[in-house]
Amino acid sequence: MPPFLSTAKNHAAREHKLFCYGTLQIPAVIEAVVGRRFKGQAAALAGYAAYAVRGAEYPGIRSTPTHTTRGQVYFGLTPGELSILDRFEGLLYQRQRLVVRTCDGRRRGVWTYVVKPARNKQLSAALWCPRDFRRRRLRRFMQRFVTDRRHVFDPRHQITRGGRR
């Protein structure tokens, strides 16, 4: 296993929590991106709404005081796994520390990806619908944004001058 991914030794000491409200809240998506399954728990982020990104299949969140965004908190991410996710999310988002309430009522400090304020114009006025995404867009998303772009976010799949490693 490459050193940037988790190992049993460093896993507990450097564990991070990540709140996912969009495509990554689907276990098959985050597993395909990072390369392993995570323990997860339903959670809600107050004061933010998930809007559809214009011309895309995925959402972005921005601060909206009257809304609450539902999603999933994943536990046990390593710094290397967060780095892969940073590249996967790209320039539209910035990773921020926020507080969510999990389904057991606990408040937890977590990382999440928020649309950069300078890019809020890329969000539509329509709220993103996870059910519609799962039914109509998940398969296409997995091909276009996970499989076809793997070389962009996963160092194990970098393209070299002579082709793939």
Protein backbone atom coordinates (compact mmCIF):
# COMPACT_ATOMS: atom_id res chain seq x y z
CA MET A 1 0.00 0.00 0.00
CA PRO A 2 1.43 3.42 -0.93
CA PRO A 3 2.58 5.54 2.05
CA PHE A 4 0.03 8.31 1.42
CA LEU A 5 -2.82 5.95 2.29
CA SER A 6 -3.80 4.76 5.72
CA THR A 7 -2.08 2.03 7.66
CA ALA A 8 -3.15 0.36 10.88
CA LYS A 9 -0.37 2.19 12.78
CA ASN A 10 -1.26 5.77 11.87
CA HIS A 11 -4.98 5.28 11.38
CA ALA A 12 -6.23 6.00 14.92
CA ALA A 13 -3.71 8.73 15.75
CA ARG A 14 -4.43 10.87 12.68
CA GLU A 15 -8.07 10.12 12.06
CA HIS A 16 -10.31 12.75 10.50
CA LYS A 17 -14.09 13.02 10.08
CA LEU A 18 -15.64 14.21 6.81
CA PHE A 19 -19.22 15.36 6.25
CA CYS A 20 -20.44 14.55 2.73
CA TYR A 21 -23.69 16.02 1.43
CA GLY A 22 -23.47 15.28 -2.29
CA THR A 23 -22.15 12.46 -4.41
CA LEU A 24 -19.60 11.40 -1.78
CA GLN A 25 -22.35 10.59 0.72
CA ILE A 26 -23.02 7.51 -1.42
CA PRO A 27 -20.69 4.80 -0.03
CA ALA A 28 -19.90 3.39 -3.50
CA VAL A 29 -18.68 6.81 -4.70
CA ILE A 30 -16.33 7.59 -1.81
CA GLU A 31 -15.04 4.01 -1.90
CA ALA A 32 -14.31 4.30 -5.63
CA VAL A 33 -12.48 7.61 -5.11
CA VAL A 34 -10.43 6.76 -2.02
CA GLY A 35 -10.14 3.01 -2.37
CA ARG A 36 -11.75 1.76 0.82
CA ARG A 37 -14.98 1.75 2.81
CA PHE A 38 -15.59 3.99 5.80
CA LYS A 39 -17.81 3.76 8.83
CA GLY A 40 -20.51 6.39 8.37
CA GLN A 41 -23.36 8.00 10.24
CA ALA A 42 -26.25 10.20 9.08
CA ALA A 43 -25.81 13.86 10.02
CA ALA A 44 -27.18 17.35 9.40
CA LEU A 45 -25.39 20.65 8.82
CA ALA A 46 -27.47 23.64 9.95
CA GLY A 47 -27.10 26.97 8.16
CA TYR A 48 -26.07 25.55 4.77
CA ALA A 49 -27.97 24.49 1.67
CA ALA A 50 -26.87 22.16 -1.14
CA TYR A 51 -27.53 23.68 -4.56
CA ALA A 52 -27.07 22.09 -7.96
CA VAL A 53 -23.91 23.27 -9.70
CA ARG A 54 -24.80 24.80 -13.09
CA GLY A 55 -24.24 22.32 -15.89
CA ALA A 56 -23.13 19.55 -13.52
CA GLU A 57 -24.56 16.49 -11.80
CA TYR A 58 -23.20 17.31 -8.36
CA PRO A 59 -23.97 19.95 -5.71
CA GLY A 60 -22.15 22.57 -3.74
CA ILE A 61 -23.07 24.10 -0.40
CA ARG A 62 -23.07 27.68 0.69
CA SER A 63 -24.11 29.38 3.87
CA THR A 64 -27.88 29.85 3.95
CA PRO A 65 -29.13 30.53 7.49
CA THR A 66 -32.62 29.05 7.07
CA HIS A 67 -31.57 25.71 5.57
CA THR A 68 -30.17 22.43 6.87
CA THR A 69 -28.25 20.03 4.67
CA ARG A 70 -28.44 16.31 5.35
CA GLY A 71 -25.62 13.93 4.57
CA GLN A 72 -23.20 11.41 5.95
CA VAL A 73 -20.22 11.72 8.31
CA TYR A 74 -17.40 9.32 7.54
CA PHE A 75 -14.92 8.44 10.26
CA GLY A 76 -11.26 7.47 10.14
CA LEU A 77 -9.92 9.31 7.10
CA THR A 78 -6.16 9.82 6.96
CA PRO A 79 -4.37 12.96 5.75
CA GLY A 80 -3.48 11.10 2.53
CA GLU A 81 -7.11 10.24 1.89
CA LEU A 82 -8.14 13.86 2.48
CA SER A 83 -5.49 14.88 -0.02
CA ILE A 84 -7.01 12.55 -2.65
CA LEU A 85 -10.44 14.05 -1.93
CA ASP A 86 -9.06 17.61 -2.16
CA ARG A 87 -7.88 16.86 -5.70
CA PHE A 88 -11.14 15.07 -6.55
CA GLU A 89 -13.20 18.08 -5.44
CA GLY A 90 -11.09 20.51 -7.46
CA LEU A 91 -11.01 24.29 -7.62
CA LEU A 92 -14.71 24.94 -6.98
CA TYR A 93 -14.48 23.91 -3.33
CA GLN A 94 -12.46 24.60 -0.22
CA ARG A 95 -12.28 22.17 2.69
CA GLN A 96 -13.52 23.79 5.94
CA ARG A 97 -14.03 22.71 9.53
CA LEU A 98 -17.71 22.92 10.50
CA VAL A 99 -19.96 21.38 13.14
CA VAL A 100 -22.70 18.88 12.31
CA ARG A 101 -25.25 17.07 14.43
CA THR A 102 -25.21 13.31 13.96
CA CYS A 103 -28.32 11.15 14.09
CA ASP A 104 -27.49 10.18 17.70
CA GLY A 105 -27.72 13.88 18.66
CA ARG A 106 -23.98 14.49 19.09
CA ARG A 107 -22.31 17.62 17.76
CA ARG A 108 -19.12 16.80 15.87
CA GLY A 109 -16.40 18.91 14.33
CA VAL A 110 -15.85 17.68 10.78
CA TRP A 111 -14.25 18.62 7.50
CA THR A 112 -16.56 19.38 4.60
CA TYR A 113 -16.24 20.88 1.13
CA VAL A 114 -17.85 24.31 0.75
CA VAL A 115 -18.05 26.25 -2.52
CA LYS A 116 -15.51 29.07 -2.51
CA PRO A 117 -17.36 32.38 -2.08
CA ALA A 118 -15.89 33.74 -5.33
CA ARG A 119 -17.48 30.80 -7.16
CA ASN A 120 -21.01 30.97 -5.68
CA LYS A 121 -22.30 32.15 -9.08
CA GLN A 122 -21.70 28.62 -10.36
CA LEU A 123 -24.51 27.41 -8.08
CA SER A 124 -28.02 27.39 -9.50
CA ALA A 125 -31.08 28.53 -7.56
CA ALA A 126 -32.32 24.90 -7.44
CA LEU A 127 -31.64 22.73 -4.43
CA TRP A 128 -29.80 19.49 -5.27
CA CYS A 129 -31.87 16.30 -5.00
CA PRO A 130 -29.91 13.21 -3.87
CA ARG A 131 -32.77 10.84 -4.74
CA ASP A 132 -32.91 12.12 -8.32
CA PHE A 133 -29.12 11.83 -8.59
CA ARG A 134 -29.12 8.20 -7.42
CA ARG A 135 -31.93 7.26 -9.80
CA ARG A 136 -30.90 9.13 -12.94
CA ARG A 137 -27.30 10.29 -12.81
CA LEU A 138 -25.17 8.05 -10.56
CA ARG A 139 -24.02 5.61 -13.25
CA ARG A 140 -22.95 8.39 -15.63
CA PHE A 141 -21.27 10.31 -12.80
CA MET A 142 -19.24 7.25 -11.78
CA GLN A 143 -17.92 6.92 -15.30
CA ARG A 144 -17.28 10.60 -16.09
CA PHE A 145 -16.05 11.93 -12.75
CA VAL A 146 -14.58 8.92 -11.00
CA THR A 147 -13.29 6.42 -13.56
CA ASP A 148 -12.36 8.77 -16.41
CA ARG A 149 -10.71 11.38 -14.13
CA ARG A 150 -8.91 9.03 -11.72
CA HIS A 151 -5.50 10.23 -12.95
CA VAL A 152 -6.38 13.78 -11.78
CA PHE A 153 -7.00 13.00 -8.11
CA ASP A 154 -5.34 9.65 -7.32
CA PRO A 155 -1.52 9.62 -7.30
CA ARG A 156 -1.54 5.87 -7.95
CA HIS A 157 -2.99 6.57 -11.42
CA GLN A 158 -0.90 9.52 -12.59
CA ILE A 159 -0.20 9.76 -16.30
CA THR A 160 3.46 9.99 -17.25
CA ARG A 161 4.96 11.26 -20.51
CA GLY A 162 5.03 7.76 -21.97
CA GLY A 163 1.43 7.00 -20.96
CA ARG A 164 -0.03 5.51 -17.83
CA ARG A 165 2.24 4.18 -15.11
